């Protein structure tokens, strides 16, 4: 079976690099390229990507508008990485109606641990989404992940005296 061909679209050069590296380490995936803008993303789809990761938190481009334009060019399964917070909720709601197959919520903190968890979850979601490429859309349910919040530190109870 040929490897899953993944295209990565993200404004952050760091995230693009980490995702490409993580994807290329997988025995069943290959990153066909990465892009930070719509023109480059279009070229990646023309080169035959099977699945696309798309950063919905891009600041210079409306990710949902980009998604709409890309889908007119070629329908491809998308794993959307949405920002934390209310803006992410709004984007996620709209994306569901656009046929997005997987949604991964970006952790609120941008630290190394959060980025590593994010990249790992994107790879897992790519694998699950790509399993439904040959199946009808109804057979490939939406995959959604949200980072688990760390429990708050316990404050010892003060005895009443």
N, C-alpha and C. Protein backbone atom coordinates (compact mmCIF):
# COMPACT_ATOMS: atom_id res chain seq x y z
N UNK A 1 0.85 -1.18 0.00
CA UNK A 1 0.00 0.00 0.00
C UNK A 1 0.89 1.24 0.00
N UNK A 2 0.64 2.20 -0.88
CA UNK A 2 1.47 3.41 -0.94
C UNK A 2 1.26 4.28 0.31
N UNK A 3 2.26 5.06 0.67
CA UNK A 3 2.12 5.91 1.86
C UNK A 3 1.09 7.01 1.64
N UNK A 4 0.53 7.47 2.75
CA UNK A 4 -0.42 8.58 2.74
C UNK A 4 0.38 9.84 2.44
N UNK A 5 -0.03 10.57 1.43
CA UNK A 5 0.67 11.80 1.02
C UNK A 5 0.00 12.99 1.71
N UNK A 6 0.75 13.65 2.61
CA UNK A 6 0.20 14.71 3.44
C UNK A 6 0.83 16.06 3.06
N UNK A 7 -0.01 17.08 2.95
CA UNK A 7 0.44 18.46 2.75
C UNK A 7 0.14 19.22 4.04
N UNK A 8 1.09 20.06 4.46
CA UNK A 8 0.97 20.82 5.70
C UNK A 8 0.86 22.31 5.37
N UNK A 9 -0.19 22.97 5.88
CA UNK A 9 -0.37 24.41 5.70
C UNK A 9 -0.45 25.05 7.08
N UNK A 10 0.56 25.86 7.40
CA UNK A 10 0.63 26.51 8.71
C UNK A 10 1.53 27.74 8.57
N UNK A 11 1.15 28.84 9.24
CA UNK A 11 1.97 30.06 9.19
C UNK A 11 3.31 29.89 9.88
N UNK A 12 3.36 29.06 10.90
CA UNK A 12 4.56 28.91 11.70
C UNK A 12 5.57 27.99 11.03
N UNK A 13 6.75 28.51 10.78
CA UNK A 13 7.80 27.69 10.18
C UNK A 13 8.19 26.56 11.14
N UNK A 14 8.14 26.82 12.44
CA UNK A 14 8.47 25.80 13.43
C UNK A 14 7.47 24.65 13.36
N UNK A 15 6.18 24.97 13.36
CA UNK A 15 5.15 23.93 13.32
C UNK A 15 5.23 23.17 12.00
N UNK A 16 5.42 23.87 10.89
CA UNK A 16 5.55 23.18 9.60
C UNK A 16 6.70 22.18 9.63
N UNK A 17 7.83 22.60 10.19
CA UNK A 17 8.98 21.71 10.26
C UNK A 17 8.75 20.52 11.17
N UNK A 18 8.17 20.76 12.34
CA UNK A 18 7.89 19.67 13.28
C UNK A 18 6.90 18.68 12.69
N UNK A 19 5.86 19.19 12.05
CA UNK A 19 4.86 18.30 11.45
C UNK A 19 5.46 17.48 10.30
N UNK A 20 6.20 18.14 9.43
CA UNK A 20 6.82 17.43 8.31
C UNK A 20 7.75 16.33 8.82
N UNK A 21 8.54 16.66 9.82
CA UNK A 21 9.46 15.67 10.40
C UNK A 21 8.70 14.50 11.02
N UNK A 22 7.66 14.80 11.79
CA UNK A 22 6.86 13.74 12.44
C UNK A 22 6.16 12.87 11.40
N UNK A 23 5.64 13.48 10.36
CA UNK A 23 4.94 12.73 9.31
C UNK A 23 5.92 11.82 8.58
N UNK A 24 7.09 12.35 8.24
CA UNK A 24 8.07 11.55 7.50
C UNK A 24 8.67 10.43 8.33
N UNK A 25 8.56 10.48 9.66
CA UNK A 25 9.03 9.38 10.52
C UNK A 25 8.05 8.22 10.53
N UNK A 26 6.83 8.45 10.07
CA UNK A 26 5.81 7.40 10.07
C UNK A 26 6.03 6.46 8.88
N UNK A 27 5.93 5.15 9.09
CA UNK A 27 6.15 4.22 7.98
C UNK A 27 5.06 4.28 6.90
N UNK A 28 3.88 4.82 7.26
CA UNK A 28 2.76 4.82 6.33
C UNK A 28 2.42 6.22 5.80
N UNK A 29 3.31 7.21 6.03
CA UNK A 29 3.04 8.58 5.60
C UNK A 29 4.28 9.23 5.00
N UNK A 30 4.02 10.21 4.15
CA UNK A 30 5.09 11.05 3.62
C UNK A 30 4.55 12.47 3.48
N UNK A 31 5.34 13.45 3.89
CA UNK A 31 4.94 14.84 3.73
C UNK A 31 5.38 15.28 2.33
N UNK A 32 4.43 15.64 1.48
CA UNK A 32 4.75 16.04 0.11
C UNK A 32 5.16 17.50 0.02
N UNK A 33 5.02 18.22 1.14
CA UNK A 33 5.44 19.61 1.17
C UNK A 33 4.66 20.39 2.20
N UNK A 34 5.15 21.61 2.43
CA UNK A 34 4.46 22.47 3.39
C UNK A 34 4.33 23.86 2.78
N UNK A 35 3.35 24.59 3.28
CA UNK A 35 3.06 25.91 2.74
C UNK A 35 2.65 26.84 3.86
N UNK A 36 2.95 28.12 3.66
CA UNK A 36 2.47 29.11 4.65
C UNK A 36 1.42 30.01 4.05
N UNK A 37 1.17 29.90 2.73
CA UNK A 37 0.18 30.77 2.09
C UNK A 37 -0.67 30.00 1.08
N UNK A 38 -1.77 30.58 0.64
CA UNK A 38 -2.71 29.88 -0.25
C UNK A 38 -2.12 29.44 -1.58
N UNK A 39 -1.26 30.25 -2.20
CA UNK A 39 -0.69 29.87 -3.49
C UNK A 39 0.12 28.59 -3.38
N UNK A 40 0.96 28.53 -2.37
CA UNK A 40 1.77 27.33 -2.18
C UNK A 40 0.88 26.13 -1.83
N UNK A 41 -0.17 26.35 -1.07
CA UNK A 41 -1.09 25.27 -0.71
C UNK A 41 -1.77 24.71 -1.96
N UNK A 42 -2.14 25.58 -2.88
CA UNK A 42 -2.75 25.12 -4.13
C UNK A 42 -1.81 24.22 -4.90
N UNK A 43 -0.54 24.58 -4.94
CA UNK A 43 0.46 23.78 -5.65
C UNK A 43 0.60 22.40 -5.01
N UNK A 44 0.55 22.35 -3.69
CA UNK A 44 0.65 21.07 -3.00
C UNK A 44 -0.51 20.15 -3.37
N UNK A 45 -1.71 20.72 -3.49
CA UNK A 45 -2.86 19.91 -3.88
C UNK A 45 -2.73 19.43 -5.32
N UNK A 46 -2.19 20.27 -6.16
CA UNK A 46 -1.98 19.86 -7.56
C UNK A 46 -0.97 18.72 -7.67
N UNK A 47 -0.05 18.66 -6.70
CA UNK A 47 0.96 17.59 -6.70
C UNK A 47 0.39 16.28 -6.18
N UNK A 48 -0.85 16.29 -5.73
CA UNK A 48 -1.52 15.05 -5.37
C UNK A 48 -1.50 14.66 -3.92
N UNK A 49 -1.60 15.60 -3.01
CA UNK A 49 -1.70 15.26 -1.59
C UNK A 49 -2.99 14.50 -1.34
N UNK A 50 -2.92 13.47 -0.49
CA UNK A 50 -4.11 12.70 -0.12
C UNK A 50 -4.88 13.38 1.01
N UNK A 51 -4.15 14.03 1.93
CA UNK A 51 -4.73 14.65 3.11
C UNK A 51 -4.00 15.98 3.34
N UNK A 52 -4.74 16.94 3.88
CA UNK A 52 -4.19 18.27 4.13
C UNK A 52 -4.36 18.62 5.60
N UNK A 53 -3.30 19.15 6.23
CA UNK A 53 -3.47 19.74 7.56
C UNK A 53 -3.54 21.24 7.33
N UNK A 54 -4.44 21.91 8.02
CA UNK A 54 -4.64 23.34 7.82
C UNK A 54 -4.76 24.04 9.17
N UNK A 55 -3.91 25.04 9.37
CA UNK A 55 -3.94 25.86 10.58
C UNK A 55 -5.07 26.87 10.44
N UNK A 56 -6.08 26.73 11.28
CA UNK A 56 -7.23 27.64 11.21
C UNK A 56 -6.97 28.95 11.93
N UNK A 57 -5.85 29.06 12.62
CA UNK A 57 -5.54 30.27 13.36
C UNK A 57 -4.63 31.22 12.63
N UNK A 58 -4.51 31.07 11.32
CA UNK A 58 -3.63 31.95 10.57
C UNK A 58 -4.10 33.38 10.68
N UNK A 59 -3.15 34.30 10.79
CA UNK A 59 -3.51 35.70 10.99
C UNK A 59 -3.65 36.47 9.69
N UNK A 60 -2.88 36.12 8.68
CA UNK A 60 -2.91 36.88 7.42
C UNK A 60 -3.98 36.40 6.46
N UNK A 61 -4.52 35.21 6.72
CA UNK A 61 -5.46 34.60 5.79
C UNK A 61 -6.63 34.02 6.58
N UNK A 62 -7.84 34.17 6.07
CA UNK A 62 -9.00 33.52 6.67
C UNK A 62 -8.94 32.05 6.26
N UNK A 63 -8.67 31.17 7.23
CA UNK A 63 -8.47 29.76 6.94
C UNK A 63 -9.70 29.10 6.31
N UNK A 64 -10.89 29.51 6.73
CA UNK A 64 -12.10 28.91 6.16
C UNK A 64 -12.30 29.34 4.70
N UNK A 65 -11.94 30.57 4.39
CA UNK A 65 -12.00 31.01 3.00
C UNK A 65 -10.98 30.24 2.16
N UNK A 66 -9.78 30.06 2.71
CA UNK A 66 -8.76 29.27 2.03
C UNK A 66 -9.25 27.85 1.83
N UNK A 67 -9.84 27.27 2.86
CA UNK A 67 -10.37 25.91 2.75
C UNK A 67 -11.41 25.82 1.64
N UNK A 68 -12.30 26.79 1.59
CA UNK A 68 -13.33 26.80 0.55
C UNK A 68 -12.72 26.85 -0.85
N UNK A 69 -11.72 27.70 -1.02
CA UNK A 69 -11.06 27.81 -2.33
C UNK A 69 -10.32 26.53 -2.70
N UNK A 70 -9.63 25.95 -1.73
CA UNK A 70 -8.88 24.72 -2.00
C UNK A 70 -9.82 23.58 -2.36
N UNK A 71 -10.97 23.50 -1.69
CA UNK A 71 -11.92 22.42 -1.96
C UNK A 71 -12.54 22.55 -3.35
N UNK A 72 -12.64 23.78 -3.84
CA UNK A 72 -13.13 23.96 -5.22
C UNK A 72 -12.09 23.46 -6.22
N UNK A 73 -10.83 23.58 -5.85
CA UNK A 73 -9.74 23.10 -6.71
C UNK A 73 -9.71 21.57 -6.74
N UNK A 74 -9.78 20.98 -5.55
CA UNK A 74 -9.75 19.51 -5.44
C UNK A 74 -10.25 19.12 -4.06
N UNK A 75 -11.25 18.27 -3.99
CA UNK A 75 -11.76 17.81 -2.71
C UNK A 75 -10.74 16.87 -2.09
N UNK A 76 -10.34 17.21 -0.88
CA UNK A 76 -9.34 16.41 -0.17
C UNK A 76 -9.70 16.41 1.31
N UNK A 77 -9.51 15.27 1.99
CA UNK A 77 -9.76 15.26 3.44
C UNK A 77 -8.86 16.26 4.15
N UNK A 78 -9.42 16.96 5.13
CA UNK A 78 -8.69 18.00 5.84
C UNK A 78 -8.71 17.73 7.33
N UNK A 79 -7.53 17.90 7.95
CA UNK A 79 -7.42 17.93 9.41
C UNK A 79 -7.18 19.38 9.76
N UNK A 80 -8.14 19.98 10.42
CA UNK A 80 -8.09 21.40 10.76
C UNK A 80 -7.56 21.56 12.17
N UNK A 81 -6.56 22.42 12.33
CA UNK A 81 -5.99 22.71 13.64
C UNK A 81 -6.55 24.06 14.06
N UNK A 82 -7.44 24.04 15.06
CA UNK A 82 -8.15 25.26 15.46
C UNK A 82 -7.53 25.84 16.73
N UNK A 83 -7.57 27.17 16.85
CA UNK A 83 -7.01 27.80 18.06
C UNK A 83 -7.88 27.53 19.28
N UNK A 84 -7.28 27.68 20.44
CA UNK A 84 -8.02 27.53 21.70
C UNK A 84 -8.95 28.73 21.86
N UNK A 85 -10.01 28.56 22.61
CA UNK A 85 -10.89 29.68 22.95
C UNK A 85 -12.11 29.81 22.07
N UNK A 86 -12.81 30.95 22.23
CA UNK A 86 -14.06 31.19 21.53
C UNK A 86 -13.89 31.23 20.02
N UNK A 87 -12.79 31.82 19.56
CA UNK A 87 -12.56 31.89 18.11
C UNK A 87 -12.48 30.48 17.53
N UNK A 88 -11.84 29.58 18.25
CA UNK A 88 -11.74 28.19 17.81
C UNK A 88 -13.10 27.52 17.76
N UNK A 89 -13.96 27.81 18.73
CA UNK A 89 -15.31 27.25 18.74
C UNK A 89 -16.08 27.67 17.49
N UNK A 90 -15.98 28.94 17.15
CA UNK A 90 -16.67 29.47 15.98
C UNK A 90 -16.15 28.82 14.70
N UNK A 91 -14.83 28.75 14.57
CA UNK A 91 -14.22 28.15 13.38
C UNK A 91 -14.62 26.68 13.27
N UNK A 92 -14.57 25.98 14.39
CA UNK A 92 -14.90 24.55 14.39
C UNK A 92 -16.33 24.33 13.93
N UNK A 93 -17.25 25.13 14.40
CA UNK A 93 -18.65 25.01 14.03
C UNK A 93 -18.83 25.19 12.51
N UNK A 94 -18.20 26.21 11.96
CA UNK A 94 -18.30 26.46 10.52
C UNK A 94 -17.62 25.35 9.72
N UNK A 95 -16.48 24.87 10.21
CA UNK A 95 -15.70 23.86 9.49
C UNK A 95 -16.46 22.54 9.36
N UNK A 96 -17.23 22.20 10.38
CA UNK A 96 -18.00 20.95 10.33
C UNK A 96 -18.93 20.94 9.12
N UNK A 97 -19.50 22.09 8.81
CA UNK A 97 -20.41 22.19 7.67
C UNK A 97 -19.69 22.20 6.33
N UNK A 98 -18.37 22.32 6.36
CA UNK A 98 -17.59 22.37 5.12
C UNK A 98 -16.95 21.02 4.78
N UNK A 99 -17.24 20.00 5.57
CA UNK A 99 -16.72 18.68 5.27
C UNK A 99 -15.36 18.36 5.85
N UNK A 100 -14.91 19.11 6.84
CA UNK A 100 -13.64 18.83 7.48
C UNK A 100 -13.74 17.48 8.17
N UNK A 101 -12.75 16.61 7.98
CA UNK A 101 -12.80 15.25 8.52
C UNK A 101 -12.22 15.12 9.92
N UNK A 102 -11.27 15.98 10.28
CA UNK A 102 -10.65 15.89 11.60
C UNK A 102 -10.39 17.27 12.15
N UNK A 103 -10.61 17.43 13.44
CA UNK A 103 -10.36 18.71 14.09
C UNK A 103 -9.48 18.46 15.30
N UNK A 104 -8.39 19.21 15.38
CA UNK A 104 -7.48 19.13 16.51
C UNK A 104 -7.41 20.52 17.11
N UNK A 105 -7.68 20.61 18.41
CA UNK A 105 -7.67 21.91 19.10
C UNK A 105 -6.24 22.19 19.58
N UNK A 106 -5.71 23.34 19.19
CA UNK A 106 -4.36 23.74 19.59
C UNK A 106 -4.36 24.07 21.08
N UNK A 107 -3.36 23.58 21.83
CA UNK A 107 -3.30 23.92 23.26
C UNK A 107 -3.16 25.43 23.45
N UNK A 108 -3.67 25.93 24.57
CA UNK A 108 -3.57 27.36 24.86
C UNK A 108 -2.12 27.79 25.05
N UNK A 109 -1.31 26.92 25.66
CA UNK A 109 0.10 27.26 25.86
C UNK A 109 0.90 26.79 24.65
N UNK A 110 1.86 27.58 24.26
CA UNK A 110 2.68 27.26 23.08
C UNK A 110 4.03 26.66 23.47
N UNK A 111 4.13 26.08 24.65
CA UNK A 111 5.38 25.50 25.11
C UNK A 111 5.74 24.23 24.35
N UNK A 112 6.92 23.71 24.64
CA UNK A 112 7.43 22.52 23.96
C UNK A 112 6.52 21.32 24.17
N UNK A 113 6.05 21.11 25.40
CA UNK A 113 5.18 19.96 25.68
C UNK A 113 3.88 20.06 24.90
N UNK A 114 3.29 21.25 24.89
CA UNK A 114 2.04 21.44 24.15
C UNK A 114 2.22 21.21 22.67
N UNK A 115 3.31 21.69 22.11
CA UNK A 115 3.58 21.51 20.68
C UNK A 115 3.80 20.04 20.36
N UNK A 116 4.53 19.34 21.22
CA UNK A 116 4.77 17.91 20.99
C UNK A 116 3.46 17.12 21.04
N UNK A 117 2.59 17.43 22.02
CA UNK A 117 1.29 16.77 22.09
C UNK A 117 0.46 17.07 20.85
N UNK A 118 0.48 18.33 20.43
CA UNK A 118 -0.27 18.74 19.24
C UNK A 118 0.19 17.96 18.01
N UNK A 119 1.49 17.91 17.79
CA UNK A 119 2.03 17.22 16.61
C UNK A 119 1.66 15.74 16.65
N UNK A 120 1.79 15.12 17.83
CA UNK A 120 1.44 13.71 17.96
C UNK A 120 -0.02 13.45 17.66
N UNK A 121 -0.88 14.34 18.13
CA UNK A 121 -2.31 14.17 17.90
C UNK A 121 -2.67 14.41 16.43
N UNK A 122 -2.00 15.34 15.79
CA UNK A 122 -2.25 15.57 14.36
C UNK A 122 -1.89 14.32 13.57
N UNK A 123 -0.75 13.70 13.88
CA UNK A 123 -0.34 12.48 13.18
C UNK A 123 -1.37 11.37 13.39
N UNK A 124 -1.84 11.18 14.63
CA UNK A 124 -2.87 10.16 14.89
C UNK A 124 -4.16 10.47 14.12
N UNK A 125 -4.53 11.73 14.11
CA UNK A 125 -5.76 12.12 13.41
C UNK A 125 -5.60 11.93 11.90
N UNK A 126 -4.44 12.26 11.36
CA UNK A 126 -4.18 12.03 9.93
C UNK A 126 -4.37 10.56 9.58
N UNK A 127 -3.86 9.70 10.41
CA UNK A 127 -3.97 8.26 10.15
C UNK A 127 -5.44 7.83 10.17
N UNK A 128 -6.19 8.30 11.15
CA UNK A 128 -7.61 7.92 11.24
C UNK A 128 -8.42 8.49 10.08
N UNK A 129 -8.14 9.73 9.73
CA UNK A 129 -8.86 10.37 8.62
C UNK A 129 -8.53 9.69 7.30
N UNK A 130 -7.26 9.37 7.11
CA UNK A 130 -6.86 8.77 5.83
C UNK A 130 -7.39 7.35 5.69
N UNK A 131 -7.72 6.70 6.79
CA UNK A 131 -8.31 5.37 6.71
C UNK A 131 -9.66 5.41 6.00
N UNK A 132 -10.31 6.57 6.03
CA UNK A 132 -11.61 6.71 5.39
C UNK A 132 -11.54 7.28 3.99
N UNK A 133 -10.33 7.44 3.42
CA UNK A 133 -10.22 8.05 2.09
C UNK A 133 -10.94 7.23 1.05
N UNK A 134 -10.82 5.92 1.10
CA UNK A 134 -11.47 5.09 0.09
C UNK A 134 -12.90 4.72 0.48
N UNK A 135 -13.25 5.00 1.74
CA UNK A 135 -14.61 4.69 2.20
C UNK A 135 -15.52 5.89 1.95
N UNK A 136 -16.83 5.66 1.91
CA UNK A 136 -17.75 6.79 1.77
C UNK A 136 -17.60 7.73 2.96
N UNK A 137 -17.93 8.99 2.75
CA UNK A 137 -17.79 10.01 3.80
C UNK A 137 -18.53 9.62 5.07
N UNK A 138 -19.67 8.96 4.93
CA UNK A 138 -20.44 8.57 6.11
C UNK A 138 -19.69 7.55 6.96
N UNK A 139 -18.80 6.78 6.33
CA UNK A 139 -18.05 5.76 7.06
C UNK A 139 -16.85 6.35 7.79
N UNK A 140 -16.52 7.58 7.52
CA UNK A 140 -15.37 8.23 8.14
C UNK A 140 -15.86 9.38 9.01
N UNK A 141 -16.19 9.09 10.27
CA UNK A 141 -16.74 10.14 11.14
C UNK A 141 -15.70 11.21 11.45
N UNK A 142 -16.21 12.36 11.84
CA UNK A 142 -15.36 13.47 12.23
C UNK A 142 -14.53 13.06 13.43
N UNK A 143 -13.25 13.32 13.37
CA UNK A 143 -12.34 13.01 14.47
C UNK A 143 -12.01 14.33 15.15
N UNK A 144 -12.28 14.43 16.46
CA UNK A 144 -12.03 15.68 17.18
C UNK A 144 -11.21 15.41 18.41
N UNK A 145 -10.19 16.22 18.62
CA UNK A 145 -9.33 16.11 19.80
C UNK A 145 -9.20 17.47 20.43
N UNK A 146 -9.22 17.49 21.74
CA UNK A 146 -9.01 18.73 22.48
C UNK A 146 -8.02 18.41 23.59
N UNK A 147 -7.02 19.26 23.80
CA UNK A 147 -6.03 18.96 24.83
C UNK A 147 -6.68 18.88 26.21
N UNK A 148 -6.14 17.99 27.01
CA UNK A 148 -6.65 17.82 28.37
C UNK A 148 -6.00 18.87 29.25
N UNK A 149 -6.83 19.58 30.01
CA UNK A 149 -6.30 20.60 30.91
C UNK A 149 -5.65 19.90 32.09
N UNK A 150 -4.54 20.45 32.53
CA UNK A 150 -3.87 19.90 33.71
C UNK A 150 -4.71 20.23 34.93
N UNK A 151 -4.81 19.27 35.88
CA UNK A 151 -5.59 19.58 37.08
C UNK A 151 -4.93 20.68 37.89
N UNK A 152 -5.76 21.48 38.51
CA UNK A 152 -5.24 22.58 39.34
C UNK A 152 -4.55 21.98 40.56
N UNK A 153 -3.56 22.69 41.05
CA UNK A 153 -2.84 22.22 42.23
C UNK A 153 -3.80 22.22 43.41
N UNK A 154 -3.68 21.20 44.23
CA UNK A 154 -4.55 21.10 45.42
C UNK A 154 -4.04 22.04 46.49
N UNK A 155 -4.94 22.76 47.07
CA UNK A 155 -4.61 23.67 48.16
C UNK A 155 -5.05 22.97 49.45
N UNK A 156 -4.11 22.79 50.40
CA UNK A 156 -4.50 22.10 51.62
C UNK A 156 -5.56 22.87 52.37
N UNK A 157 -6.48 22.13 52.93
CA UNK A 157 -7.54 22.75 53.70
C UNK A 157 -6.98 23.28 55.01
N UNK A 158 -7.45 24.42 55.43
CA UNK A 158 -7.02 25.02 56.70
C UNK A 158 -8.04 24.62 57.76
N UNK A 159 -7.53 24.03 58.82
CA UNK A 159 -8.44 23.59 59.89
C UNK A 159 -8.97 24.81 60.65
N UNK A 160 -10.26 24.79 60.89
CA UNK A 160 -10.87 25.89 61.64
C UNK A 160 -10.47 25.76 63.10
N UNK A 161 -10.06 26.81 63.70
CA UNK A 161 -9.57 26.72 65.06
C UNK A 161 -10.25 27.54 66.03
